[in-house]
Amino acid sequence: MSLKHTSKVRQLYKVILRLHEGLPIDLKTVGDQYVKSEFRAHKNCAPEFVPEFMSQWQTYAKTLQAQLQQESLHSKVGSSLPVDALEEFSEDQILQLHELLKETQKPNPQFDVKKETD
């Protein structure tokens, strides 16, 4: 992997974590952990997977940035996953999505983090 590519990956990673600063604390915490885990898991992936990985995370960053620039966070953050997209997911991706769904529906959140007020 070239130094230029490594720099682009690191820059995208930092942009996403900075964008998460604008999320409610619970979403930020889950989002940060997910991003860190995904980037770590794909650190040594096969080169043919890199363009799609980068493209999807760049799309995520652009979408999140646009949503955070709206006047209020009372508007919806995120987007619905089209049903037909599920048909293109691998078994591992479906399992990962299911685990994420279960985590978000727990009655007692794993993270009970309170944002400090000034």
C-alpha atoms as a PDB file:
ATOM      1  CA  MET A   1       0.000   0.000   0.000  1.00  0.00           C
ATOM      2  CA  SER A   2       1.438   3.370  -0.974  1.00  0.00           C
ATOM      3  CA  LEU A   3       2.026   6.253   1.379  1.00  0.00           C
ATOM      4  CA  LYS A   4      -0.434   8.349  -0.674  1.00  0.00           C
ATOM      5  CA  HIS A   5      -3.186   5.747  -0.254  1.00  0.00           C
ATOM      6  CA  THR A   6      -2.488   5.402   3.473  1.00  0.00           C
ATOM      7  CA  SER A   7      -2.753   9.168   3.820  1.00  0.00           C
ATOM      8  CA  LYS A   8      -6.136   9.219   2.027  1.00  0.00           C
ATOM      9  CA  VAL A   9      -7.497   6.453   4.247  1.00  0.00           C
ATOM     10  CA  ARG A  10      -6.268   8.174   7.404  1.00  0.00           C
ATOM     11  CA  GLN A  11      -7.730  11.508   6.256  1.00  0.00           C
ATOM     12  CA  LEU A  12     -11.154   9.954   5.579  1.00  0.00           C
ATOM     13  CA  TYR A  13     -11.053   8.211   8.959  1.00  0.00           C
ATOM     14  CA  LYS A  14     -10.336  11.505  10.742  1.00  0.00           C
ATOM     15  CA  VAL A  15     -13.048  13.354   8.786  1.00  0.00           C
ATOM     16  CA  ILE A  16     -15.630  10.788   9.846  1.00  0.00           C
ATOM     17  CA  LEU A  17     -14.618  10.941  13.503  1.00  0.00           C
ATOM     18  CA  ARG A  18     -14.789  14.760  13.362  1.00  0.00           C
ATOM     19  CA  LEU A  19     -18.259  14.590  11.836  1.00  0.00           C
ATOM     20  CA  HIS A  20     -19.353  12.311  14.662  1.00  0.00           C
ATOM     21  CA  GLU A  21     -18.666  15.197  17.056  1.00  0.00           C
ATOM     22  CA  GLY A  22     -21.926  16.711  15.774  1.00  0.00           C
ATOM     23  CA  LEU A  23     -24.003  13.661  16.705  1.00  0.00           C
ATOM     24  CA  PRO A  24     -25.851  13.042  19.968  1.00  0.00           C
ATOM     25  CA  ILE A  25     -23.423  11.434  22.419  1.00  0.00           C
ATOM     26  CA  ASP A  26     -24.923   7.924  22.223  1.00  0.00           C
ATOM     27  CA  LEU A  27     -24.788   7.910  18.419  1.00  0.00           C
ATOM     28  CA  LYS A  28     -21.266   9.337  18.489  1.00  0.00           C
ATOM     29  CA  THR A  29     -20.053   6.597  20.808  1.00  0.00           C
ATOM     30  CA  VAL A  30     -21.557   3.753  18.794  1.00  0.00           C
ATOM     31  CA  GLY A  31     -20.517   5.378  15.516  1.00  0.00           C
ATOM     32  CA  ASP A  32     -16.930   5.932  16.616  1.00  0.00           C
ATOM     33  CA  GLN A  33     -16.569   2.335  17.757  1.00  0.00           C
ATOM     34  CA  TYR A  34     -18.069   1.037  14.522  1.00  0.00           C
ATOM     35  CA  VAL A  35     -15.825   3.199  12.320  1.00  0.00           C
ATOM     36  CA  LYS A  36     -12.707   2.229  14.264  1.00  0.00           C
ATOM     37  CA  SER A  37     -13.614  -1.441  14.068  1.00  0.00           C
ATOM     38  CA  GLU A  38     -14.347  -1.330  10.319  1.00  0.00           C
ATOM     39  CA  PHE A  39     -11.189   0.573   9.398  1.00  0.00           C
ATOM     40  CA  ARG A  40      -9.111  -1.759  11.580  1.00  0.00           C
ATOM     41  CA  ALA A  41     -10.766  -4.863  10.086  1.00  0.00           C
ATOM     42  CA  HIS A  42     -10.087  -3.678   6.525  1.00  0.00           C
ATOM     43  CA  LYS A  43      -6.539  -2.464   7.161  1.00  0.00           C
ATOM     44  CA  ASN A  44      -5.031  -5.434   5.324  1.00  0.00           C
ATOM     45  CA  CYS A  45      -7.889  -6.366   3.003  1.00  0.00           C
ATOM     46  CA  ALA A  46      -7.345  -7.484  -0.564  1.00  0.00           C
ATOM     47  CA  PRO A  47      -6.702  -4.574  -2.949  1.00  0.00           C
ATOM     48  CA  GLU A  48      -9.851  -5.295  -4.984  1.00  0.00           C
ATOM     49  CA  PHE A  49     -12.013  -4.401  -1.969  1.00  0.00           C
ATOM     50  CA  VAL A  50     -10.357  -1.034  -1.291  1.00  0.00           C
ATOM     51  CA  PRO A  51     -12.151   1.124  -3.918  1.00  0.00           C
ATOM     52  CA  GLU A  52     -15.620   0.018  -2.752  1.00  0.00           C
ATOM     53  CA  PHE A  53     -14.663   0.412   0.916  1.00  0.00           C
ATOM     54  CA  MET A  54     -13.414   3.960   0.327  1.00  0.00           C
ATOM     55  CA  SER A  55     -16.384   4.852  -1.873  1.00  0.00           C
ATOM     56  CA  GLN A  56     -18.932   3.713   0.707  1.00  0.00           C
ATOM     57  CA  TRP A  57     -17.235   5.575   3.562  1.00  0.00           C
ATOM     58  CA  GLN A  58     -16.862   8.724   1.438  1.00  0.00           C
ATOM     59  CA  THR A  59     -20.587   8.567   0.662  1.00  0.00           C
ATOM     60  CA  TYR A  60     -21.307   8.134   4.377  1.00  0.00           C
ATOM     61  CA  ALA A  61     -19.154  11.173   5.235  1.00  0.00           C
ATOM     62  CA  LYS A  62     -20.816  13.361   2.581  1.00  0.00           C
ATOM     63  CA  THR A  63     -24.307  12.301   3.655  1.00  0.00           C
ATOM     64  CA  LEU A  64     -23.600  12.852   7.340  1.00  0.00           C
ATOM     65  CA  GLN A  65     -22.008  16.235   6.657  1.00  0.00           C
ATOM     66  CA  ALA A  66     -25.069  17.359   4.695  1.00  0.00           C
ATOM     67  CA  GLN A  67     -27.418  16.166   7.433  1.00  0.00           C
ATOM     68  CA  LEU A  68     -25.416  17.882  10.166  1.00  0.00           C
ATOM     69  CA  GLN A  69     -25.415  21.149   8.235  1.00  0.00           C
ATOM     70  CA  GLN A  70     -29.191  21.304   8.402  1.00  0.00           C
ATOM     71  CA  GLU A  71     -30.544  23.860  10.830  1.00  0.00           C
ATOM     72  CA  SER A  72     -31.421  21.403  13.553  1.00  0.00           C
ATOM     73  CA  LEU A  73     -30.478  17.943  14.698  1.00  0.00           C
ATOM     74  CA  HIS A  74     -34.168  17.445  15.411  1.00  0.00           C
ATOM     75  CA  SER A  75     -34.381  16.448  11.782  1.00  0.00           C
ATOM     76  CA  LYS A  76     -33.569  12.857  10.939  1.00  0.00           C
ATOM     77  CA  VAL A  77     -29.939  11.772  10.918  1.00  0.00           C
ATOM     78  CA  GLY A  78     -29.221   8.746   8.782  1.00  0.00           C
ATOM     79  CA  SER A  79     -31.152   7.158   5.975  1.00  0.00           C
ATOM     80  CA  SER A  80     -33.222   4.074   5.370  1.00  0.00           C
ATOM     81  CA  LEU A  81     -31.596   1.085   3.772  1.00  0.00           C
ATOM     82  CA  PRO A  82     -33.366   0.166   0.529  1.00  0.00           C
ATOM     83  CA  VAL A  83     -34.724  -3.393   0.676  1.00  0.00           C
ATOM     84  CA  ASP A  84     -33.136  -4.280  -2.660  1.00  0.00           C
ATOM     85  CA  ALA A  85     -29.720  -3.374  -1.227  1.00  0.00           C
ATOM     86  CA  LEU A  86     -30.023  -6.317   1.153  1.00  0.00           C
ATOM     87  CA  GLU A  87     -29.988  -8.657  -1.832  1.00  0.00           C
ATOM     88  CA  GLU A  88     -26.445  -7.539  -2.613  1.00  0.00           C
ATOM     89  CA  PHE A  89     -25.155  -8.068   0.946  1.00  0.00           C
ATOM     90  CA  SER A  90     -22.986 -11.021   1.828  1.00  0.00           C
ATOM     91  CA  GLU A  91     -24.008 -13.345   4.635  1.00  0.00           C
ATOM     92  CA  ASP A  92     -21.415 -11.683   6.895  1.00  0.00           C
ATOM     93  CA  GLN A  93     -22.815  -8.233   6.117  1.00  0.00           C
ATOM     94  CA  ILE A  94     -26.358  -9.365   6.927  1.00  0.00           C
ATOM     95  CA  LEU A  95     -25.129 -10.810  10.223  1.00  0.00           C
ATOM     96  CA  GLN A  96     -23.265  -7.595  11.042  1.00  0.00           C
ATOM     97  CA  LEU A  97     -26.343  -5.516  10.246  1.00  0.00           C
ATOM     98  CA  HIS A  98     -28.470  -7.759  12.458  1.00  0.00           C
ATOM     99  CA  GLU A  99     -25.977  -7.398  15.344  1.00  0.00           C
ATOM    100  CA  LEU A 100     -26.069  -3.622  14.954  1.00  0.00           C
ATOM    101  CA  LEU A 101     -29.868  -3.676  14.988  1.00  0.00           C
ATOM    102  CA  LYS A 102     -29.890  -5.759  18.174  1.00  0.00           C
ATOM    103  CA  GLU A 103     -27.438  -3.360  19.824  1.00  0.00           C
ATOM    104  CA  THR A 104     -29.599  -0.339  19.038  1.00  0.00           C
ATOM    105  CA  GLN A 105     -32.731  -1.988  20.431  1.00  0.00           C
ATOM    106  CA  LYS A 106     -31.373  -2.979  23.837  1.00  0.00           C
ATOM    107  CA  PRO A 107     -33.540  -1.599  26.660  1.00  0.00           C
ATOM    108  CA  ASN A 108     -30.474  -0.554  28.654  1.00  0.00           C
ATOM    109  CA  PRO A 109     -27.927   0.964  26.292  1.00  0.00           C
ATOM    110  CA  GLN A 110     -24.426  -0.417  26.589  1.00  0.00           C
ATOM    111  CA  PHE A 111     -23.173   3.149  26.745  1.00  0.00           C
ATOM    112  CA  ASP A 112     -24.635   5.383  29.396  1.00  0.00           C
ATOM    113  CA  VAL A 113     -22.576   8.393  28.452  1.00  0.00           C
ATOM    114  CA  LYS A 114     -23.718  11.876  29.386  1.00  0.00           C
ATOM    115  CA  LYS A 115     -22.477  14.918  27.521  1.00  0.00           C
ATOM    116  CA  GLU A 116     -20.887  17.465  29.806  1.00  0.00           C
ATOM    117  CA  THR A 117     -22.637  20.820  29.873  1.00  0.00           C
ATOM    118  CA  ASP A 118     -20.810  24.093  30.262  1.00  0.00           C
END
